[in-house]
Amino acid sequence: MKKIFCLVAVFFFGASFSSCVTEKVQISGLDKKFGAFSFIREDSNLVMIVDVELAKSRVDENFFPLGIKIANKKLESLIVDRKGLLLVDENDVVYYMPDILELQKSYDKLAPDHKFKIQTGLLGDRIVTSFSFYRQAESNFFPQTQGAARVIDSVYLQKNGFMEDLIYFPRPLGGIKGKRLRLRLDVFGYDQPFEVAFSVD
């Protein structure tokens, strides 16, 4: 009798426990991982990397940050500006970067975000190592505090040039956690936008 009770208890509690465990949903259609928190898209002309490590701790904010690095391998020139770098959600709704004043009104974590950026870097030094002979262009879409640094709304990348920055987008209506999102770069001369598909898990 005791043996039967134990078997019933194991079955009952085992079933209860398994019902509480949820499997991690695999999101399809993402670009290749580049480290634990980054996704990369590359062709013969361009490389674009999106890092979501900081976004993971900002999923409930009105705006969320993305670390980015973009390298121009072969194009004669490439302009990356505030209107040409877009977020696309899983319903194909497009979101634009805010200006710095709009962000500062609704988001109070610029200072800790920049501290994180300074302490950890963006994506480490891997892309710099891979493109060690590339020249870094100045980029600063979102300075930490107004007046502390000049806002740069347009970045010129010459051939063999790259940029890195921390950029922000409004949180989509469906949220960002567990969603397939795309960072879109409009590139002159490309028939289709250059995109990195990523997720914030």
N, C-alpha and C. Protein backbone atom coordinates (compact mmCIF):
# COMPACT_ATOMS: atom_id res chain seq x y z
N MET A 1 0.83 -1.21 0.00
CA MET A 1 0.00 0.00 0.00
C MET A 1 0.86 1.25 0.00
N LYS A 2 1.90 1.18 0.83
CA LYS A 2 2.82 2.32 0.92
C LYS A 2 3.49 2.58 -0.43
N LYS A 3 3.83 1.48 -1.13
CA LYS A 3 4.48 1.60 -2.43
C LYS A 3 3.55 2.24 -3.45
N ILE A 4 2.26 1.84 -3.41
CA ILE A 4 1.28 2.39 -4.33
C ILE A 4 1.10 3.88 -4.08
N PHE A 5 1.05 4.28 -2.78
CA PHE A 5 0.89 5.70 -2.42
C PHE A 5 2.05 6.53 -2.96
N CYS A 6 3.25 5.99 -2.82
CA CYS A 6 4.43 6.72 -3.29
C CYS A 6 4.39 6.91 -4.80
N LEU A 7 3.97 5.87 -5.53
CA LEU A 7 3.90 5.98 -6.98
C LEU A 7 2.87 7.01 -7.41
N VAL A 8 1.72 7.02 -6.70
CA VAL A 8 0.67 8.00 -7.00
C VAL A 8 1.17 9.40 -6.71
N ALA A 9 1.87 9.58 -5.59
CA ALA A 9 2.39 10.90 -5.21
C ALA A 9 3.41 11.40 -6.22
N VAL A 10 4.30 10.50 -6.66
CA VAL A 10 5.29 10.88 -7.65
C VAL A 10 4.62 11.30 -8.94
N PHE A 11 3.60 10.53 -9.35
CA PHE A 11 2.89 10.87 -10.59
C PHE A 11 2.18 12.20 -10.47
N PHE A 12 1.50 12.43 -9.33
CA PHE A 12 0.72 13.65 -9.14
C PHE A 12 1.61 14.88 -9.10
N PHE A 13 2.64 14.83 -8.24
CA PHE A 13 3.51 16.00 -8.11
C PHE A 13 4.36 16.21 -9.36
N GLY A 14 4.75 15.09 -10.00
CA GLY A 14 5.51 15.21 -11.24
C GLY A 14 4.69 15.87 -12.32
N ALA A 15 3.41 15.49 -12.41
CA ALA A 15 2.52 16.10 -13.40
C ALA A 15 2.30 17.56 -13.09
N SER A 16 2.14 17.87 -11.79
CA SER A 16 1.92 19.27 -11.40
C SER A 16 3.13 20.12 -11.72
N PHE A 17 4.32 19.55 -11.43
CA PHE A 17 5.55 20.31 -11.69
C PHE A 17 5.74 20.55 -13.18
N SER A 18 5.50 19.50 -13.98
CA SER A 18 5.71 19.65 -15.42
C SER A 18 4.74 20.63 -16.03
N SER A 19 3.55 20.77 -15.42
CA SER A 19 2.58 21.71 -15.95
C SER A 19 3.00 23.15 -15.69
N CYS A 20 3.89 23.34 -14.71
CA CYS A 20 4.35 24.69 -14.37
C CYS A 20 5.58 25.10 -15.18
N VAL A 21 6.24 24.12 -15.78
CA VAL A 21 7.44 24.41 -16.54
C VAL A 21 7.05 24.78 -17.97
N THR A 22 7.50 25.93 -18.44
CA THR A 22 7.19 26.35 -19.81
C THR A 22 8.46 26.30 -20.65
N GLU A 23 8.34 25.73 -21.81
CA GLU A 23 9.48 25.66 -22.70
C GLU A 23 9.71 27.00 -23.37
N LYS A 24 10.96 27.34 -23.59
CA LYS A 24 11.30 28.58 -24.26
C LYS A 24 10.88 28.51 -25.73
N VAL A 25 10.09 29.47 -26.14
CA VAL A 25 9.59 29.48 -27.50
C VAL A 25 10.71 29.89 -28.45
N GLN A 26 10.92 29.09 -29.48
CA GLN A 26 11.93 29.40 -30.47
C GLN A 26 11.33 30.34 -31.53
N ILE A 27 11.98 31.46 -31.75
CA ILE A 27 11.50 32.44 -32.71
C ILE A 27 12.21 32.20 -34.03
N SER A 28 11.45 32.00 -35.07
CA SER A 28 12.03 31.70 -36.37
C SER A 28 12.33 32.98 -37.15
N GLY A 29 13.19 32.85 -38.14
CA GLY A 29 13.47 33.97 -39.03
C GLY A 29 14.42 35.00 -38.47
N LEU A 30 15.22 34.63 -37.47
CA LEU A 30 16.19 35.56 -36.91
C LEU A 30 17.51 35.46 -37.66
N ASP A 31 18.29 36.53 -37.62
CA ASP A 31 19.61 36.48 -38.21
C ASP A 31 20.59 35.76 -37.28
N LYS A 32 21.78 35.51 -37.79
CA LYS A 32 22.77 34.73 -37.07
C LYS A 32 23.19 35.42 -35.77
N LYS A 33 23.36 34.61 -34.71
CA LYS A 33 23.82 35.16 -33.45
C LYS A 33 25.30 35.53 -33.56
N PHE A 34 25.64 36.60 -32.85
CA PHE A 34 27.02 37.06 -32.80
C PHE A 34 27.35 37.30 -31.33
N GLY A 35 27.64 36.22 -30.62
CA GLY A 35 27.79 36.31 -29.18
C GLY A 35 26.44 36.05 -28.51
N ALA A 36 26.42 36.21 -27.18
CA ALA A 36 25.24 35.85 -26.40
C ALA A 36 24.04 36.77 -26.64
N PHE A 37 24.29 38.05 -26.92
CA PHE A 37 23.18 39.02 -26.98
C PHE A 37 23.10 39.76 -28.32
N SER A 38 23.82 39.31 -29.32
CA SER A 38 23.92 40.08 -30.55
C SER A 38 23.52 39.25 -31.77
N PHE A 39 23.07 39.98 -32.79
CA PHE A 39 22.68 39.38 -34.06
C PHE A 39 23.39 40.13 -35.18
N ILE A 40 23.77 39.41 -36.24
CA ILE A 40 24.57 40.01 -37.30
C ILE A 40 23.99 39.70 -38.68
N ARG A 41 24.07 40.69 -39.54
CA ARG A 41 23.72 40.52 -40.96
C ARG A 41 24.89 41.09 -41.76
N GLU A 42 25.31 40.35 -42.77
CA GLU A 42 26.48 40.77 -43.55
C GLU A 42 26.29 40.38 -45.01
N ASP A 43 26.66 41.28 -45.90
CA ASP A 43 26.78 40.94 -47.31
C ASP A 43 28.13 41.44 -47.80
N SER A 44 28.33 41.48 -49.09
CA SER A 44 29.64 41.86 -49.62
C SER A 44 29.98 43.32 -49.37
N ASN A 45 28.96 44.15 -49.09
CA ASN A 45 29.18 45.59 -48.91
C ASN A 45 29.11 46.06 -47.47
N LEU A 46 28.24 45.43 -46.68
CA LEU A 46 27.91 45.97 -45.36
C LEU A 46 27.92 44.88 -44.28
N VAL A 47 28.13 45.36 -43.05
CA VAL A 47 27.92 44.54 -41.86
C VAL A 47 27.10 45.37 -40.88
N MET A 48 26.06 44.75 -40.31
CA MET A 48 25.31 45.44 -39.26
C MET A 48 25.06 44.46 -38.11
N ILE A 49 25.37 44.90 -36.91
CA ILE A 49 25.23 44.08 -35.71
C ILE A 49 24.31 44.81 -34.73
N VAL A 50 23.39 44.06 -34.15
CA VAL A 50 22.47 44.60 -33.15
C VAL A 50 22.68 43.86 -31.84
N ASP A 51 22.87 44.60 -30.77
CA ASP A 51 23.08 44.02 -29.45
C ASP A 51 21.89 44.36 -28.55
N VAL A 52 21.33 43.33 -27.88
CA VAL A 52 20.10 43.52 -27.09
C VAL A 52 20.33 43.34 -25.59
N GLU A 53 21.58 43.28 -25.16
CA GLU A 53 21.83 43.02 -23.74
C GLU A 53 21.16 44.06 -22.84
N LEU A 54 21.31 45.32 -23.17
CA LEU A 54 20.71 46.37 -22.35
C LEU A 54 19.19 46.40 -22.51
N ALA A 55 18.70 46.10 -23.71
CA ALA A 55 17.26 46.09 -23.95
C ALA A 55 16.55 45.08 -23.07
N LYS A 56 17.23 43.99 -22.70
CA LYS A 56 16.62 42.96 -21.87
C LYS A 56 16.16 43.49 -20.52
N SER A 57 16.82 44.54 -20.04
CA SER A 57 16.44 45.12 -18.75
C SER A 57 15.56 46.37 -18.90
N ARG A 58 15.10 46.64 -20.13
CA ARG A 58 14.28 47.82 -20.38
C ARG A 58 12.98 47.47 -21.11
N VAL A 59 12.51 46.24 -20.96
CA VAL A 59 11.36 45.78 -21.73
C VAL A 59 10.05 46.48 -21.35
N ASP A 60 9.98 47.06 -20.16
CA ASP A 60 8.74 47.72 -19.73
C ASP A 60 8.79 49.24 -19.88
N GLU A 61 9.87 49.76 -20.41
CA GLU A 61 9.99 51.20 -20.59
C GLU A 61 9.29 51.65 -21.88
N ASN A 62 8.99 52.95 -21.96
CA ASN A 62 8.35 53.49 -23.16
C ASN A 62 9.30 53.48 -24.36
N PHE A 63 10.60 53.56 -24.06
CA PHE A 63 11.64 53.47 -25.09
C PHE A 63 12.64 52.41 -24.65
N PHE A 64 13.35 51.83 -25.63
CA PHE A 64 14.35 50.82 -25.27
C PHE A 64 15.59 51.02 -26.14
N PRO A 65 16.76 50.66 -25.60
CA PRO A 65 18.03 50.87 -26.31
C PRO A 65 18.48 49.65 -27.10
N LEU A 66 19.21 49.92 -28.16
CA LEU A 66 19.89 48.88 -28.93
C LEU A 66 21.32 49.33 -29.17
N GLY A 67 22.26 48.46 -28.90
CA GLY A 67 23.63 48.73 -29.29
C GLY A 67 23.82 48.33 -30.75
N ILE A 68 24.44 49.19 -31.54
CA ILE A 68 24.62 48.87 -32.96
C ILE A 68 26.07 49.12 -33.39
N LYS A 69 26.50 48.35 -34.36
CA LYS A 69 27.73 48.62 -35.09
C LYS A 69 27.44 48.38 -36.57
N ILE A 70 27.86 49.32 -37.39
CA ILE A 70 27.66 49.22 -38.84
C ILE A 70 29.00 49.48 -39.51
N ALA A 71 29.38 48.59 -40.42
CA ALA A 71 30.64 48.75 -41.14
C ALA A 71 30.37 48.79 -42.64
N ASN A 72 31.01 49.74 -43.30
CA ASN A 72 30.92 49.87 -44.75
C ASN A 72 32.17 49.23 -45.36
N LYS A 73 31.98 48.11 -46.02
CA LYS A 73 33.10 47.36 -46.57
C LYS A 73 33.52 47.82 -47.96
N LYS A 74 32.52 48.06 -48.84
CA LYS A 74 32.88 48.31 -50.24
C LYS A 74 32.14 49.47 -50.89
N LEU A 75 31.10 50.00 -50.27
CA LEU A 75 30.38 51.12 -50.89
C LEU A 75 31.26 52.36 -50.88
N GLU A 76 31.12 53.17 -51.90
CA GLU A 76 31.91 54.40 -51.96
C GLU A 76 31.61 55.29 -50.77
N SER A 77 30.36 55.30 -50.33
CA SER A 77 30.00 56.05 -49.13
C SER A 77 28.65 55.54 -48.64
N LEU A 78 28.38 55.79 -47.37
CA LEU A 78 27.12 55.38 -46.75
C LEU A 78 26.72 56.42 -45.72
N ILE A 79 25.48 56.88 -45.81
CA ILE A 79 24.94 57.83 -44.83
C ILE A 79 23.98 57.09 -43.91
N VAL A 80 24.23 57.15 -42.62
CA VAL A 80 23.33 56.58 -41.62
C VAL A 80 22.74 57.74 -40.84
N ASP A 81 21.43 57.97 -41.01
CA ASP A 81 20.82 59.09 -40.29
C ASP A 81 19.60 58.63 -39.50
N ARG A 82 19.04 59.55 -38.75
CA ARG A 82 17.95 59.24 -37.83
C ARG A 82 16.70 58.73 -38.55
N LYS A 83 16.47 59.21 -39.76
CA LYS A 83 15.27 58.80 -40.49
C LYS A 83 15.48 57.54 -41.33
N GLY A 84 16.74 57.18 -41.53
CA GLY A 84 17.03 56.02 -42.37
C GLY A 84 17.33 54.76 -41.60
N LEU A 85 17.27 54.84 -40.26
CA LEU A 85 17.51 53.68 -39.40
C LEU A 85 16.22 53.46 -38.61
N LEU A 86 15.50 52.37 -38.93
CA LEU A 86 14.14 52.18 -38.45
C LEU A 86 13.98 50.84 -37.74
N LEU A 87 12.95 50.78 -36.89
CA LEU A 87 12.56 49.53 -36.24
C LEU A 87 11.27 49.05 -36.89
N VAL A 88 11.21 47.75 -37.18
CA VAL A 88 10.01 47.16 -37.76
C VAL A 88 9.57 46.02 -36.85
N ASP A 89 8.29 46.03 -36.42
CA ASP A 89 7.83 44.97 -35.52
C ASP A 89 7.29 43.80 -36.32
N GLU A 90 6.78 42.79 -35.61
CA GLU A 90 6.36 41.56 -36.29
C GLU A 90 5.10 41.74 -37.13
N ASN A 91 4.43 42.88 -36.96
CA ASN A 91 3.27 43.20 -37.79
C ASN A 91 3.60 44.18 -38.90
N ASP A 92 4.89 44.38 -39.14
CA ASP A 92 5.41 45.28 -40.17
C ASP A 92 5.10 46.75 -39.89
N VAL A 93 4.84 47.08 -38.64
CA VAL A 93 4.67 48.48 -38.24
C VAL A 93 6.06 49.08 -38.06
N VAL A 94 6.26 50.27 -38.61
CA VAL A 94 7.56 50.92 -38.59
C VAL A 94 7.61 51.97 -37.48
N TYR A 95 8.73 51.99 -36.75
CA TYR A 95 8.94 52.95 -35.67
C TYR A 95 10.23 53.73 -35.94
N TYR A 96 10.16 55.03 -35.71
CA TYR A 96 11.32 55.90 -35.95
C TYR A 96 11.99 56.25 -34.63
N MET A 97 13.26 56.52 -34.71
CA MET A 97 13.97 57.00 -33.53
C MET A 97 13.41 58.35 -33.10
N PRO A 98 13.27 58.58 -31.81
CA PRO A 98 12.84 59.89 -31.34
C PRO A 98 14.01 60.87 -31.41
N ASP A 99 13.71 62.15 -31.25
CA ASP A 99 14.82 63.08 -31.07
C ASP A 99 15.21 63.07 -29.59
N ILE A 100 16.32 63.69 -29.27
CA ILE A 100 16.86 63.59 -27.91
C ILE A 100 15.92 64.22 -26.88
N LEU A 101 15.24 65.30 -27.23
CA LEU A 101 14.34 65.95 -26.27
C LEU A 101 13.12 65.07 -25.97
N GLU A 102 12.58 64.46 -26.99
CA GLU A 102 11.43 63.56 -26.79
C GLU A 102 11.83 62.39 -25.89
N LEU A 103 13.01 61.84 -26.11
CA LEU A 103 13.47 60.72 -25.29
C LEU A 103 13.65 61.14 -23.83
N GLN A 104 14.27 62.27 -23.61
CA GLN A 104 14.54 62.72 -22.25
C GLN A 104 13.27 62.99 -21.46
N LYS A 105 12.18 63.35 -22.14
CA LYS A 105 10.92 63.61 -21.44
C LYS A 105 10.28 62.34 -20.91
N SER A 106 10.53 61.21 -21.57
CA SER A 106 9.80 59.98 -21.23
C SER A 106 10.71 58.85 -20.77
N TYR A 107 11.99 59.11 -20.65
CA TYR A 107 12.94 58.04 -20.34
C TYR A 107 14.02 58.60 -19.42
N ASP A 108 14.17 57.99 -18.25
CA ASP A 108 15.08 58.53 -17.25
C ASP A 108 16.31 57.66 -17.01
N LYS A 109 16.65 56.83 -17.99
CA LYS A 109 17.76 55.91 -17.78
C LYS A 109 18.92 56.14 -18.76
N LEU A 110 18.98 57.32 -19.33
CA LEU A 110 20.09 57.61 -20.24
C LEU A 110 21.44 57.51 -19.52
N ALA A 111 21.51 58.06 -18.31
CA ALA A 111 22.78 58.05 -17.57
C ALA A 111 23.24 56.63 -17.26
N PRO A 112 22.38 55.76 -16.66
CA PRO A 112 22.86 54.39 -16.43
C PRO A 112 23.13 53.62 -17.71
N ASP A 113 22.39 53.94 -18.78
CA ASP A 113 22.66 53.27 -20.07
C ASP A 113 24.04 53.62 -20.57
N HIS A 114 24.41 54.89 -20.49
CA HIS A 114 25.73 55.31 -20.96
C HIS A 114 26.83 54.77 -20.05
N LYS A 115 26.53 54.66 -18.76
CA LYS A 115 27.51 54.07 -17.84
C LYS A 115 27.76 52.61 -18.22
N PHE A 116 26.69 51.91 -18.53
CA PHE A 116 26.80 50.52 -18.98
C PHE A 116 27.64 50.45 -20.26
N LYS A 117 27.38 51.36 -21.19
CA LYS A 117 28.11 51.39 -22.46
C LYS A 117 29.59 51.62 -22.22
N ILE A 118 29.93 52.54 -21.31
CA ILE A 118 31.33 52.84 -21.03
C ILE A 118 32.02 51.65 -20.36
N GLN A 119 31.30 51.00 -19.42
CA GLN A 119 31.91 49.90 -18.67
C GLN A 119 32.09 48.63 -19.48
N THR A 120 31.12 48.33 -20.33
CA THR A 120 31.16 47.05 -21.06
C THR A 120 31.52 47.20 -22.52
N GLY A 121 31.36 48.40 -23.06
CA GLY A 121 31.54 48.58 -24.49
C GLY A 121 30.33 48.06 -25.24
N LEU A 122 30.29 48.31 -26.53
CA LEU A 122 29.21 47.78 -27.36
C LEU A 122 29.74 46.59 -28.14
N LEU A 123 29.25 45.41 -27.78
CA LEU A 123 29.63 44.18 -28.48
C LEU A 123 31.11 43.87 -28.32
N GLY A 124 31.72 44.40 -27.28
CA GLY A 124 33.14 44.15 -27.08
C GLY A 124 33.96 44.76 -28.21
N ASP A 125 35.10 44.17 -28.51
CA ASP A 125 35.98 44.69 -29.55
C ASP A 125 36.05 43.76 -30.76
N ARG A 126 35.06 42.87 -30.88
CA ARG A 126 35.17 41.86 -31.92
C ARG A 126 35.11 42.44 -33.32
N ILE A 127 34.18 43.37 -33.53
CA ILE A 127 34.09 43.92 -34.89
C ILE A 127 35.29 44.82 -35.17
N VAL A 128 35.82 45.46 -34.12
CA VAL A 128 37.01 46.29 -34.32
C VAL A 128 38.19 45.39 -34.69
N THR A 129 38.26 44.24 -34.04
CA THR A 129 39.33 43.31 -34.36
C THR A 129 39.19 42.77 -35.78
N SER A 130 37.94 42.43 -36.16
CA SER A 130 37.70 41.90 -37.49
C SER A 130 37.97 42.94 -38.56
N PHE A 131 37.74 44.21 -38.23
CA PHE A 131 37.94 45.29 -39.18
C PHE A 131 38.95 46.29 -38.60
N SER A 132 40.08 45.76 -38.17
CA SER A 132 41.04 46.59 -37.44
C SER A 132 41.60 47.73 -38.27
N PHE A 133 41.55 47.60 -39.59
CA PHE A 133 42.07 48.67 -40.43
C PHE A 133 40.98 49.65 -40.84
N TYR A 134 39.75 49.48 -40.32
CA TYR A 134 38.66 50.40 -40.63
C TYR A 134 38.77 51.65 -39.77
N ARG A 135 38.24 52.74 -40.30
CA ARG A 135 38.26 54.01 -39.57
C ARG A 135 36.90 54.24 -38.91
N GLN A 136 36.92 54.56 -37.62
CA GLN A 136 35.66 54.79 -36.90
C GLN A 136 35.16 56.20 -37.13
N ALA A 137 33.88 56.32 -37.50
CA ALA A 137 33.24 57.62 -37.68
C ALA A 137 32.56 58.04 -36.38
N GLU A 138 32.53 59.33 -36.13
CA GLU A 138 31.89 59.83 -34.92
C GLU A 138 30.37 59.69 -35.03
N SER A 139 29.77 59.14 -33.98
CA SER A 139 28.33 58.94 -33.96
C SER A 139 27.82 59.22 -32.55
N ASN A 140 26.72 59.98 -32.46
CA ASN A 140 26.17 60.31 -31.14
C ASN A 140 24.71 60.76 -31.31
N PHE A 141 23.85 59.80 -31.61
CA PHE A 141 22.44 60.12 -31.79
C PHE A 141 21.77 60.56 -30.50
N PHE A 142 22.24 60.01 -29.36
CA PHE A 142 21.60 60.28 -28.07
C PHE A 142 22.64 60.55 -26.99
N PRO A 143 23.14 61.80 -26.89
CA PRO A 143 24.06 62.14 -25.80
C PRO A 143 23.39 61.90 -24.45
N GLN A 144 24.22 61.69 -23.45
CA GLN A 144 23.69 61.37 -22.12
C GLN A 144 22.82 62.49 -21.56
N THR A 145 23.28 63.73 -21.65
CA THR A 145 22.52 64.87 -21.15
C THR A 145 22.55 65.98 -22.18
N GLN A 146 21.47 66.73 -22.21
CA GLN A 146 21.38 67.83 -23.17
C GLN A 146 22.49 68.85 -22.94
N GLY A 147 23.19 69.19 -23.98
CA GLY A 147 24.26 70.18 -23.87
C GLY A 147 25.60 69.59 -23.52
N ALA A 148 25.61 68.32 -23.03
CA ALA A 148 26.88 67.71 -22.64
C ALA A 148 27.70 67.31 -23.86
N ALA A 149 27.03 67.02 -24.95
CA ALA A 149 27.71 66.63 -26.18
C ALA A 149 26.82 66.98 -27.35
N ARG A 150 27.44 67.13 -28.48
CA ARG A 150 26.69 67.49 -29.68
C ARG A 150 25.92 66.30 -30.22
N VAL A 151 24.64 66.52 -30.51
CA VAL A 151 23.83 65.49 -31.14
C VAL A 151 24.26 65.35 -32.60
N ILE A 152 24.51 64.13 -33.02
CA ILE A 152 24.87 63.86 -34.41
C ILE A 152 23.72 63.09 -35.04
N ASP A 153 23.01 63.72 -35.95
CA ASP A 153 21.83 63.11 -36.56
C ASP A 153 22.15 62.37 -37.86
N SER A 154 23.35 62.54 -38.38
CA SER A 154 23.72 61.91 -39.64
C SER A 154 25.20 61.52 -39.58
N VAL A 155 25.47 60.26 -39.89
CA VAL A 155 26.84 59.74 -39.82
C VAL A 155 27.29 59.34 -41.22
N TYR A 156 28.42 59.85 -41.63
CA TYR A 156 28.99 59.52 -42.94
C TYR A 156 30.03 58.42 -42.77
N LEU A 157 29.79 57.29 -43.46
CA LEU A 157 30.74 56.19 -43.43
C LEU A 157 31.41 56.06 -44.79
N GLN A 158 32.68 56.34 -44.83
CA GLN A 158 33.43 56.14 -46.06
C GLN A 158 33.70 54.64 -46.22
N LYS A 159 34.20 54.26 -47.38
CA LYS A 159 34.58 52.86 -47.57
C LYS A 159 35.63 52.49 -46.52
N ASN A 160 35.49 51.30 -45.96
CA ASN A 160 36.36 50.85 -44.87
C ASN A 160 36.19 51.72 -43.62
N GLY A 161 34.96 52.14 -43.38
CA GLY A 161 34.65 52.89 -42.17
C GLY A 161 33.57 52.18 -41.38
N PHE A 162 33.51 52.45 -40.08
CA PHE A 162 32.46 51.86 -39.26
C PHE A 162 32.02 52.85 -38.18
N MET A 163 30.85 52.58 -37.61
CA MET A 163 30.31 53.38 -36.52
C MET A 163 29.75 52.45 -35.46
N GLU A 164 29.66 52.97 -34.25
CA GLU A 164 28.97 52.27 -33.18
C GLU A 164 28.21 53.30 -32.35
N ASP A 165 27.07 52.89 -31.81
CA ASP A 165 26.27 53.83 -31.04
C ASP A 165 25.21 53.07 -30.24
N LEU A 166 24.60 53.79 -29.32
CA LEU A 166 23.46 53.29 -28.56
C LEU A 166 22.27 54.10 -29.02
N ILE A 167 21.30 53.41 -29.64
CA ILE A 167 20.15 54.11 -30.21
C ILE A 167 18.88 53.67 -29.50
N TYR A 168 17.81 54.43 -29.71
CA TYR A 168 16.55 54.17 -28.99
C TYR A 168 15.36 54.19 -29.94
N PHE A 169 14.38 53.35 -29.59
CA PHE A 169 13.13 53.32 -30.32
C PHE A 169 11.96 53.25 -29.35
N PRO A 170 10.78 53.71 -29.77
CA PRO A 170 9.59 53.51 -28.93
C PRO A 170 9.29 52.02 -28.80
N ARG A 171 8.78 51.64 -27.65
CA ARG A 171 8.38 50.25 -27.46
C ARG A 171 7.14 49.96 -28.31
N PRO A 172 7.20 48.95 -29.18
CA PRO A 172 6.03 48.61 -30.00
C PRO A 172 4.82 48.25 -29.15
N LEU A 173 3.64 48.33 -29.73
CA LEU A 173 2.40 48.08 -29.00
C LEU A 173 2.36 46.69 -28.39
N GLY A 174 2.92 45.72 -29.09
CA GLY A 174 2.93 44.35 -28.56
C GLY A 174 4.09 44.05 -27.65
N GLY A 175 4.90 45.07 -27.33
CA GLY A 175 6.08 44.85 -26.51
C GLY A 175 7.25 44.33 -27.33
N ILE A 176 8.37 44.09 -26.65
CA ILE A 176 9.57 43.62 -27.35
C ILE A 176 10.02 42.23 -26.91
N LYS A 177 9.60 41.80 -25.75
CA LYS A 177 10.09 40.53 -25.23
C LYS A 177 9.50 39.36 -26.02
N GLY A 178 10.39 38.51 -26.53
CA GLY A 178 9.96 37.33 -27.26
C GLY A 178 9.37 37.61 -28.62
N LYS A 179 9.61 38.79 -29.17
CA LYS A 179 9.07 39.16 -30.47
C LYS A 179 10.18 39.17 -31.52
N ARG A 180 9.80 38.92 -32.77
CA ARG A 180 10.76 39.06 -33.87
C ARG A 180 10.71 40.51 -34.34
N LEU A 181 11.81 41.20 -34.16
CA LEU A 181 11.93 42.60 -34.56
C LEU A 181 13.01 42.72 -35.62
N ARG A 182 12.97 43.82 -36.36
CA ARG A 182 13.98 44.05 -37.38
C ARG A 182 14.51 45.48 -37.29
N LEU A 183 15.81 45.61 -37.33
CA LEU A 183 16.43 46.93 -37.48
C LEU A 183 16.70 47.12 -38.96
N ARG A 184 16.12 48.15 -39.53
CA ARG A 184 16.19 48.39 -40.98
C ARG A 184 17.06 49.59 -41.28
N LEU A 185 17.97 49.42 -42.22
CA LEU A 185 18.82 50.50 -42.70
C LEU A 185 18.53 50.74 -44.16
N ASP A 186 18.08 51.94 -44.48
CA ASP A 186 17.86 52.29 -45.88
C ASP A 186 19.21 52.64 -46.52
N VAL A 187 19.54 51.93 -47.58
CA VAL A 187 20.83 52.10 -48.23
C VAL A 187 20.60 52.53 -49.67
N PHE A 188 21.18 53.66 -50.04
CA PHE A 188 21.05 54.15 -51.41
C PHE A 188 21.66 53.14 -52.38
N GLY A 189 20.88 52.78 -53.42
CA GLY A 189 21.36 51.84 -54.41
C GLY A 189 20.92 50.41 -54.16
N TYR A 190 20.36 50.14 -52.97
CA TYR A 190 19.85 48.82 -52.66
C TYR A 190 18.37 48.73 -53.06
N ASP A 191 17.98 47.63 -53.70
CA ASP A 191 16.58 47.44 -54.06
C ASP A 191 15.72 47.17 -52.83
N GLN A 192 16.31 46.50 -51.83
CA GLN A 192 15.61 46.17 -50.60
C GLN A 192 16.37 46.76 -49.41
N PRO A 193 15.64 47.13 -48.34
CA PRO A 193 16.34 47.62 -47.15
C PRO A 193 17.27 46.55 -46.57
N PHE A 194 18.31 46.99 -45.94
CA PHE A 194 19.26 46.08 -45.27
C PHE A 194 18.77 45.92 -43.84
N GLU A 195 18.47 44.69 -43.43
CA GLU A 195 17.82 44.47 -42.14
C GLU A 195 18.53 43.40 -41.33
N VAL A 196 18.45 43.56 -40.00
CA VAL A 196 18.86 42.53 -39.06
C VAL A 196 17.62 42.12 -38.28
N ALA A 197 17.27 40.85 -38.34
CA ALA A 197 16.14 40.32 -37.56
C ALA A 197 16.67 39.81 -36.23
N PHE A 198 16.08 40.26 -35.13
CA PHE A 198 16.56 39.93 -33.80
C PHE A 198 15.40 39.76 -32.83
N SER A 199 15.71 39.29 -31.64
CA SER A 199 14.69 39.18 -30.60
C SER A 199 15.30 39.56 -29.26
N VAL A 200 14.45 39.97 -28.34
CA VAL A 200 14.85 40.30 -26.97
C VAL A 200 14.19 39.25 -26.08
N ASP A 201 14.96 38.28 -25.62
CA ASP A 201 14.40 37.17 -24.84
C ASP A 201 14.52 37.44 -23.34
